[in-house]
Amino acid sequence: MNHSIIKLSLLGVLSASLLITPTAVLAKDTNAPAPAKKLATESQPKKNTKLPFHGKLKAVDQTAKTISVGEMTLQITSATMITKADKPAKLEDGVIGEAASGSYLKGEDGKLTVSKLRFGPKPAAPEKTAKPGSKKEKTN
């Protein structure tokens, strides 16, 4: 009787190991190559990404609240920050033919909404003053 219990136990262990083996073999096959990732230059621009623009101001439409710079027609909103010579300005301050630059967002409807607009050339950056004693002088 002891031999039949041992045989049944061994048969049970053997059949259990045969049932577990196929799932273990399938689980080991996880080293498949990763899917190819798109490069940042190939992907579409992210939504709400501010894009720069600059060029000569071609037209200002105060009724429609739009400006034309180059081939683009840009929408001005109440949230648009407009400056001229580093001071707050209005849409009326834009002069056709002068430089205009800033950033815009492309909406889902295709409209280009300006977030920042600067009329005129970029103001010169203030010069950095040299700290006294920062440059070593050669003594003869």
N, C-alpha and C. Protein backbone atom coordinates (compact mmCIF):
# COMPACT_ATOMS: atom_id res chain seq x y z
N MET A 1 0.81 -1.18 0.00
CA MET A 1 0.00 0.00 0.00
C MET A 1 0.86 1.25 0.00
N ASN A 2 1.99 1.20 0.69
CA ASN A 2 2.90 2.33 0.70
C ASN A 2 3.42 2.64 -0.69
N HIS A 3 3.64 1.60 -1.49
CA HIS A 3 4.16 1.78 -2.84
C HIS A 3 3.11 2.47 -3.71
N SER A 4 1.87 2.17 -3.56
CA SER A 4 0.82 2.79 -4.37
C SER A 4 0.63 4.26 -3.97
N ILE A 5 0.79 4.62 -2.70
CA ILE A 5 0.67 6.02 -2.27
C ILE A 5 1.85 6.82 -2.83
N ILE A 6 3.03 6.23 -2.79
CA ILE A 6 4.22 6.91 -3.31
C ILE A 6 4.09 7.09 -4.82
N LYS A 7 3.58 6.07 -5.52
CA LYS A 7 3.40 6.17 -6.96
C LYS A 7 2.38 7.25 -7.30
N LEU A 8 1.28 7.30 -6.56
CA LEU A 8 0.26 8.32 -6.82
C LEU A 8 0.81 9.73 -6.53
N SER A 9 1.61 9.86 -5.50
CA SER A 9 2.20 11.16 -5.17
C SER A 9 3.16 11.62 -6.26
N LEU A 10 4.00 10.68 -6.72
CA LEU A 10 4.93 11.03 -7.79
C LEU A 10 4.19 11.37 -9.08
N LEU A 11 3.13 10.64 -9.36
CA LEU A 11 2.32 10.91 -10.55
C LEU A 11 1.67 12.30 -10.45
N GLY A 12 1.21 12.66 -9.26
CA GLY A 12 0.60 13.98 -9.05
C GLY A 12 1.61 15.11 -9.23
N VAL A 13 2.81 14.93 -8.67
CA VAL A 13 3.85 15.95 -8.81
C VAL A 13 4.27 16.08 -10.26
N LEU A 14 4.41 14.96 -10.96
CA LEU A 14 4.80 14.98 -12.35
C LEU A 14 3.75 15.67 -13.22
N SER A 15 2.48 15.38 -13.00
CA SER A 15 1.42 16.00 -13.80
C SER A 15 1.30 17.50 -13.49
N ALA A 16 1.51 17.88 -12.23
CA ALA A 16 1.47 19.30 -11.88
C ALA A 16 2.61 20.07 -12.55
N SER A 17 3.79 19.46 -12.59
CA SER A 17 4.93 20.12 -13.22
C SER A 17 4.73 20.25 -14.73
N LEU A 18 4.05 19.25 -15.33
CA LEU A 18 3.78 19.33 -16.76
C LEU A 18 2.76 20.43 -17.07
N LEU A 19 1.83 20.68 -16.18
CA LEU A 19 0.84 21.74 -16.39
C LEU A 19 1.47 23.13 -16.22
N ILE A 20 2.41 23.28 -15.32
CA ILE A 20 3.03 24.58 -15.04
C ILE A 20 4.08 24.93 -16.07
N THR A 21 4.76 23.96 -16.64
CA THR A 21 5.87 24.20 -17.57
C THR A 21 5.47 25.05 -18.77
N PRO A 22 4.37 24.79 -19.49
CA PRO A 22 4.06 25.62 -20.67
C PRO A 22 3.83 27.09 -20.30
N THR A 23 3.21 27.38 -19.17
CA THR A 23 2.99 28.78 -18.80
C THR A 23 4.30 29.45 -18.42
N ALA A 24 5.21 28.71 -17.82
CA ALA A 24 6.51 29.28 -17.46
C ALA A 24 7.32 29.58 -18.71
N VAL A 25 7.23 28.73 -19.71
CA VAL A 25 7.96 28.94 -20.96
C VAL A 25 7.41 30.15 -21.68
N LEU A 26 6.11 30.32 -21.70
CA LEU A 26 5.50 31.47 -22.35
C LEU A 26 5.85 32.76 -21.61
N ALA A 27 5.92 32.72 -20.31
CA ALA A 27 6.22 33.92 -19.54
C ALA A 27 7.65 34.38 -19.75
N LYS A 28 8.57 33.49 -20.10
CA LYS A 28 9.96 33.87 -20.31
C LYS A 28 10.17 34.67 -21.58
N ASP A 29 9.24 34.65 -22.51
CA ASP A 29 9.40 35.31 -23.80
C ASP A 29 8.99 36.78 -23.72
N THR A 30 9.51 37.50 -22.73
CA THR A 30 9.18 38.92 -22.59
C THR A 30 10.30 39.80 -23.09
N ASN A 31 11.33 39.24 -23.67
CA ASN A 31 12.45 40.03 -24.17
C ASN A 31 12.26 40.45 -25.61
N ALA A 32 11.03 40.67 -26.02
CA ALA A 32 10.77 41.13 -27.37
C ALA A 32 11.30 42.55 -27.52
N PRO A 33 11.75 42.93 -28.70
CA PRO A 33 12.28 44.28 -28.89
C PRO A 33 11.18 45.32 -28.64
N ALA A 34 11.60 46.44 -28.08
CA ALA A 34 10.65 47.51 -27.77
C ALA A 34 10.16 48.13 -29.07
N PRO A 35 8.92 48.61 -29.09
CA PRO A 35 8.41 49.23 -30.30
C PRO A 35 9.22 50.49 -30.61
N ALA A 36 9.38 50.77 -31.89
CA ALA A 36 10.19 51.92 -32.31
C ALA A 36 9.52 53.20 -31.84
N LYS A 37 10.33 54.07 -31.24
CA LYS A 37 9.81 55.36 -30.76
C LYS A 37 10.02 56.40 -31.84
N LYS A 38 9.07 57.33 -31.93
CA LYS A 38 9.21 58.42 -32.88
C LYS A 38 10.15 59.46 -32.30
N LEU A 39 10.95 60.02 -33.14
CA LEU A 39 11.83 61.10 -32.71
C LEU A 39 11.00 62.35 -32.46
N ALA A 40 11.50 63.23 -31.63
CA ALA A 40 10.78 64.46 -31.29
C ALA A 40 10.54 65.32 -32.54
N THR A 41 11.45 65.25 -33.50
CA THR A 41 11.28 66.06 -34.70
C THR A 41 10.21 65.50 -35.62
N GLU A 42 9.94 64.21 -35.51
CA GLU A 42 8.95 63.59 -36.37
C GLU A 42 7.53 63.73 -35.81
N SER A 43 7.41 63.91 -34.51
CA SER A 43 6.09 63.96 -33.91
C SER A 43 5.45 65.32 -34.13
N GLN A 44 4.15 65.36 -33.97
CA GLN A 44 3.40 66.59 -34.10
C GLN A 44 3.73 67.50 -32.93
N PRO A 45 3.66 68.82 -33.12
CA PRO A 45 3.89 69.71 -31.99
C PRO A 45 2.84 69.47 -30.91
N LYS A 46 3.26 69.60 -29.68
CA LYS A 46 2.33 69.40 -28.58
C LYS A 46 1.29 70.51 -28.58
N LYS A 47 0.11 70.17 -28.08
CA LYS A 47 -0.91 71.19 -27.96
C LYS A 47 -0.46 72.21 -26.93
N ASN A 48 -0.89 73.42 -27.12
CA ASN A 48 -0.56 74.53 -26.23
C ASN A 48 0.93 74.85 -26.21
N THR A 49 1.64 74.53 -27.27
CA THR A 49 3.04 74.89 -27.38
C THR A 49 3.11 76.25 -28.06
N LYS A 50 3.81 77.18 -27.43
CA LYS A 50 3.94 78.50 -28.01
C LYS A 50 4.98 78.46 -29.12
N LEU A 51 4.61 78.99 -30.25
CA LEU A 51 5.49 79.03 -31.41
C LEU A 51 5.88 80.47 -31.69
N PRO A 52 7.13 80.73 -32.05
CA PRO A 52 7.56 82.10 -32.29
C PRO A 52 7.19 82.59 -33.68
N PHE A 53 7.09 83.91 -33.84
CA PHE A 53 6.92 84.52 -35.14
C PHE A 53 7.67 85.84 -35.13
N HIS A 54 8.11 86.29 -36.29
CA HIS A 54 8.72 87.61 -36.43
C HIS A 54 8.73 87.97 -37.91
N GLY A 55 8.67 89.26 -38.15
CA GLY A 55 8.68 89.76 -39.52
C GLY A 55 8.13 91.17 -39.55
N LYS A 56 7.86 91.64 -40.75
CA LYS A 56 7.31 92.98 -40.94
C LYS A 56 5.79 92.92 -40.82
N LEU A 57 5.24 93.90 -40.16
CA LEU A 57 3.79 94.00 -39.98
C LEU A 57 3.18 94.42 -41.31
N LYS A 58 2.32 93.55 -41.88
CA LYS A 58 1.71 93.84 -43.18
C LYS A 58 0.36 94.52 -43.05
N ALA A 59 -0.41 94.13 -42.02
CA ALA A 59 -1.75 94.70 -41.87
C ALA A 59 -2.19 94.61 -40.41
N VAL A 60 -3.03 95.56 -40.02
CA VAL A 60 -3.65 95.57 -38.69
C VAL A 60 -5.13 95.79 -38.90
N ASP A 61 -5.95 94.84 -38.46
CA ASP A 61 -7.40 94.96 -38.55
C ASP A 61 -7.95 95.10 -37.14
N GLN A 62 -8.28 96.34 -36.76
CA GLN A 62 -8.74 96.59 -35.40
C GLN A 62 -10.15 96.06 -35.17
N THR A 63 -10.95 95.98 -36.21
CA THR A 63 -12.31 95.47 -36.08
C THR A 63 -12.31 93.97 -35.81
N ALA A 64 -11.53 93.23 -36.61
CA ALA A 64 -11.47 91.77 -36.46
C ALA A 64 -10.44 91.35 -35.42
N LYS A 65 -9.67 92.31 -34.90
CA LYS A 65 -8.61 92.04 -33.92
C LYS A 65 -7.60 91.03 -34.47
N THR A 66 -7.09 91.32 -35.68
CA THR A 66 -6.08 90.47 -36.29
C THR A 66 -4.93 91.31 -36.81
N ILE A 67 -3.77 90.68 -36.95
CA ILE A 67 -2.62 91.30 -37.60
C ILE A 67 -2.10 90.31 -38.62
N SER A 68 -1.39 90.83 -39.62
CA SER A 68 -0.75 89.98 -40.62
C SER A 68 0.74 90.23 -40.56
N VAL A 69 1.49 89.15 -40.37
CA VAL A 69 2.95 89.20 -40.35
C VAL A 69 3.42 88.13 -41.32
N GLY A 70 4.10 88.55 -42.38
CA GLY A 70 4.51 87.59 -43.40
C GLY A 70 3.26 87.03 -44.06
N GLU A 71 3.17 85.71 -44.12
CA GLU A 71 2.01 85.05 -44.71
C GLU A 71 0.97 84.64 -43.67
N MET A 72 1.22 84.96 -42.40
CA MET A 72 0.33 84.52 -41.32
C MET A 72 -0.64 85.62 -40.93
N THR A 73 -1.86 85.22 -40.61
CA THR A 73 -2.84 86.11 -40.02
C THR A 73 -3.05 85.62 -38.60
N LEU A 74 -2.79 86.49 -37.65
CA LEU A 74 -2.78 86.13 -36.23
C LEU A 74 -3.92 86.83 -35.50
N GLN A 75 -4.59 86.10 -34.63
CA GLN A 75 -5.73 86.61 -33.86
C GLN A 75 -5.24 87.22 -32.55
N ILE A 76 -5.71 88.43 -32.23
CA ILE A 76 -5.39 89.11 -30.99
C ILE A 76 -6.58 88.93 -30.04
N THR A 77 -6.30 88.59 -28.77
CA THR A 77 -7.36 88.43 -27.77
C THR A 77 -7.11 89.39 -26.62
N SER A 78 -8.01 89.38 -25.67
CA SER A 78 -7.84 90.23 -24.49
C SER A 78 -6.69 89.74 -23.61
N ALA A 79 -6.29 88.49 -23.77
CA ALA A 79 -5.19 87.94 -22.99
C ALA A 79 -3.83 88.21 -23.63
N THR A 80 -3.79 88.76 -24.85
CA THR A 80 -2.54 89.04 -25.54
C THR A 80 -1.80 90.17 -24.84
N MET A 81 -0.52 89.92 -24.55
CA MET A 81 0.32 90.96 -23.94
C MET A 81 1.04 91.69 -25.07
N ILE A 82 0.71 92.97 -25.26
CA ILE A 82 1.27 93.77 -26.34
C ILE A 82 2.25 94.78 -25.75
N THR A 83 3.45 94.87 -26.33
CA THR A 83 4.43 95.85 -25.87
C THR A 83 5.06 96.56 -27.06
N LYS A 84 5.57 97.75 -26.78
CA LYS A 84 6.33 98.51 -27.76
C LYS A 84 7.37 99.29 -26.98
N ALA A 85 8.63 99.11 -27.32
CA ALA A 85 9.75 99.75 -26.62
C ALA A 85 9.72 99.40 -25.13
N ASP A 86 9.45 98.14 -24.82
CA ASP A 86 9.41 97.63 -23.44
C ASP A 86 8.34 98.29 -22.57
N LYS A 87 7.32 98.86 -23.19
CA LYS A 87 6.22 99.47 -22.45
C LYS A 87 4.92 98.87 -22.96
N PRO A 88 3.90 98.78 -22.11
CA PRO A 88 2.61 98.26 -22.57
C PRO A 88 2.08 99.09 -23.74
N ALA A 89 1.48 98.41 -24.69
CA ALA A 89 0.95 99.09 -25.87
C ALA A 89 -0.42 98.52 -26.22
N LYS A 90 -1.03 99.11 -27.23
CA LYS A 90 -2.34 98.67 -27.72
C LYS A 90 -2.18 98.24 -29.18
N LEU A 91 -3.18 97.59 -29.70
CA LEU A 91 -3.15 97.14 -31.09
C LEU A 91 -3.00 98.33 -32.04
N GLU A 92 -3.56 99.46 -31.67
CA GLU A 92 -3.51 100.66 -32.50
C GLU A 92 -2.08 101.19 -32.64
N ASP A 93 -1.17 100.80 -31.75
CA ASP A 93 0.21 101.29 -31.77
C ASP A 93 1.06 100.62 -32.85
N GLY A 94 0.54 99.58 -33.48
CA GLY A 94 1.28 98.88 -34.52
C GLY A 94 1.32 99.70 -35.80
N VAL A 95 2.50 99.86 -36.39
CA VAL A 95 2.69 100.63 -37.61
C VAL A 95 3.05 99.65 -38.73
N ILE A 96 2.31 99.72 -39.82
CA ILE A 96 2.57 98.82 -40.94
C ILE A 96 3.97 99.06 -41.47
N GLY A 97 4.71 97.99 -41.67
CA GLY A 97 6.07 98.06 -42.17
C GLY A 97 7.13 97.93 -41.09
N GLU A 98 6.74 98.11 -39.82
CA GLU A 98 7.73 97.96 -38.76
C GLU A 98 7.81 96.51 -38.31
N ALA A 99 8.85 96.20 -37.58
CA ALA A 99 9.06 94.83 -37.12
C ALA A 99 8.02 94.45 -36.08
N ALA A 100 7.59 93.20 -36.14
CA ALA A 100 6.65 92.65 -35.14
C ALA A 100 7.12 91.24 -34.84
N SER A 101 7.07 90.87 -33.57
CA SER A 101 7.46 89.52 -33.18
C SER A 101 6.71 89.13 -31.92
N GLY A 102 6.78 87.85 -31.61
CA GLY A 102 6.10 87.35 -30.42
C GLY A 102 5.92 85.85 -30.50
N SER A 103 4.89 85.39 -29.82
CA SER A 103 4.59 83.96 -29.82
C SER A 103 3.09 83.76 -29.94
N TYR A 104 2.72 82.60 -30.51
CA TYR A 104 1.31 82.29 -30.71
C TYR A 104 1.04 80.83 -30.43
N LEU A 105 -0.24 80.53 -30.24
CA LEU A 105 -0.70 79.16 -30.06
C LEU A 105 -1.59 78.80 -31.24
N LYS A 106 -1.44 77.58 -31.73
CA LYS A 106 -2.30 77.13 -32.82
C LYS A 106 -3.47 76.37 -32.22
N GLY A 107 -4.68 76.85 -32.44
CA GLY A 107 -5.87 76.22 -31.88
C GLY A 107 -6.33 75.05 -32.71
N GLU A 108 -7.26 74.28 -32.16
CA GLU A 108 -7.80 73.12 -32.86
C GLU A 108 -8.55 73.53 -34.12
N ASP A 109 -9.11 74.76 -34.10
CA ASP A 109 -9.85 75.24 -35.26
C ASP A 109 -8.94 75.84 -36.33
N GLY A 110 -7.62 75.85 -36.07
CA GLY A 110 -6.66 76.35 -37.04
C GLY A 110 -6.30 77.81 -36.83
N LYS A 111 -6.96 78.50 -35.91
CA LYS A 111 -6.64 79.90 -35.65
C LYS A 111 -5.32 80.02 -34.91
N LEU A 112 -4.58 81.05 -35.24
CA LEU A 112 -3.31 81.34 -34.60
C LEU A 112 -3.55 82.48 -33.62
N THR A 113 -3.57 82.15 -32.32
CA THR A 113 -3.89 83.13 -31.29
C THR A 113 -2.59 83.62 -30.65
N VAL A 114 -2.40 84.94 -30.70
CA VAL A 114 -1.17 85.54 -30.19
C VAL A 114 -1.23 85.61 -28.67
N SER A 115 -0.15 85.14 -28.01
CA SER A 115 -0.06 85.27 -26.56
C SER A 115 0.81 86.46 -26.18
N LYS A 116 1.88 86.72 -26.93
CA LYS A 116 2.73 87.89 -26.71
C LYS A 116 3.02 88.53 -28.05
N LEU A 117 2.99 89.87 -28.07
CA LEU A 117 3.24 90.61 -29.29
C LEU A 117 4.12 91.81 -28.95
N ARG A 118 5.18 92.00 -29.74
CA ARG A 118 6.05 93.16 -29.55
C ARG A 118 6.14 93.89 -30.87
N PHE A 119 5.80 95.20 -30.85
CA PHE A 119 5.96 96.05 -32.02
C PHE A 119 7.33 96.71 -31.95
N GLY A 120 7.99 96.83 -33.08
CA GLY A 120 9.28 97.49 -33.13
C GLY A 120 10.41 96.50 -32.92
N PRO A 121 11.65 97.00 -33.05
CA PRO A 121 12.79 96.11 -32.88
C PRO A 121 12.96 95.69 -31.43
N LYS A 122 13.68 94.61 -31.26
CA LYS A 122 13.95 94.13 -29.90
C LYS A 122 14.86 95.14 -29.22
N PRO A 123 14.49 95.55 -28.01
CA PRO A 123 15.34 96.52 -27.32
C PRO A 123 16.70 95.93 -27.00
N ALA A 124 17.72 96.78 -27.00
CA ALA A 124 19.08 96.34 -26.72
C ALA A 124 19.18 95.89 -25.28
N ALA A 125 19.89 94.80 -25.07
CA ALA A 125 20.10 94.29 -23.72
C ALA A 125 21.04 95.23 -22.98
N PRO A 126 20.80 95.45 -21.70
CA PRO A 126 21.71 96.32 -20.95
C PRO A 126 23.09 95.68 -20.88
N GLU A 127 24.11 96.53 -21.01
CA GLU A 127 25.49 96.02 -20.98
C GLU A 127 25.85 95.59 -19.58
N LYS A 128 26.58 94.51 -19.51
CA LYS A 128 27.04 94.04 -18.21
C LYS A 128 28.28 94.82 -17.83
N THR A 129 28.30 95.32 -16.61
CA THR A 129 29.47 96.07 -16.16
C THR A 129 30.48 95.09 -15.57
N ALA A 130 31.73 95.33 -15.89
CA ALA A 130 32.79 94.45 -15.39
C ALA A 130 33.03 94.75 -13.91
N LYS A 131 33.22 93.72 -13.15
CA LYS A 131 33.50 93.90 -11.74
C LYS A 131 34.95 94.36 -11.58
N PRO A 132 35.19 95.30 -10.68
CA PRO A 132 36.56 95.75 -10.49
C PRO A 132 37.43 94.60 -9.98
N GLY A 133 38.59 94.50 -10.58
CA GLY A 133 39.53 93.46 -10.17
C GLY A 133 39.23 92.11 -10.77
N SER A 134 38.26 92.02 -11.69
CA SER A 134 37.92 90.72 -12.27
C SER A 134 38.94 90.30 -13.33
N LYS A 135 39.58 91.28 -13.98
CA LYS A 135 40.61 90.94 -14.96
C LYS A 135 41.96 91.23 -14.35
N LYS A 136 42.84 90.30 -14.53
CA LYS A 136 44.19 90.47 -13.99
C LYS A 136 45.02 91.29 -14.96
N GLU A 137 45.68 92.28 -14.45
CA GLU A 137 46.53 93.10 -15.28
C GLU A 137 47.95 92.57 -15.24
N LYS A 138 48.60 92.64 -16.36
CA LYS A 138 49.99 92.18 -16.41
C LYS A 138 50.89 93.32 -15.97
N THR A 139 51.84 92.99 -15.15
CA THR A 139 52.81 94.01 -14.71
C THR A 139 54.12 93.75 -15.41
N ASN A 140 54.73 94.81 -15.87
CA ASN A 140 56.03 94.69 -16.56
C ASN A 140 57.15 95.03 -15.66
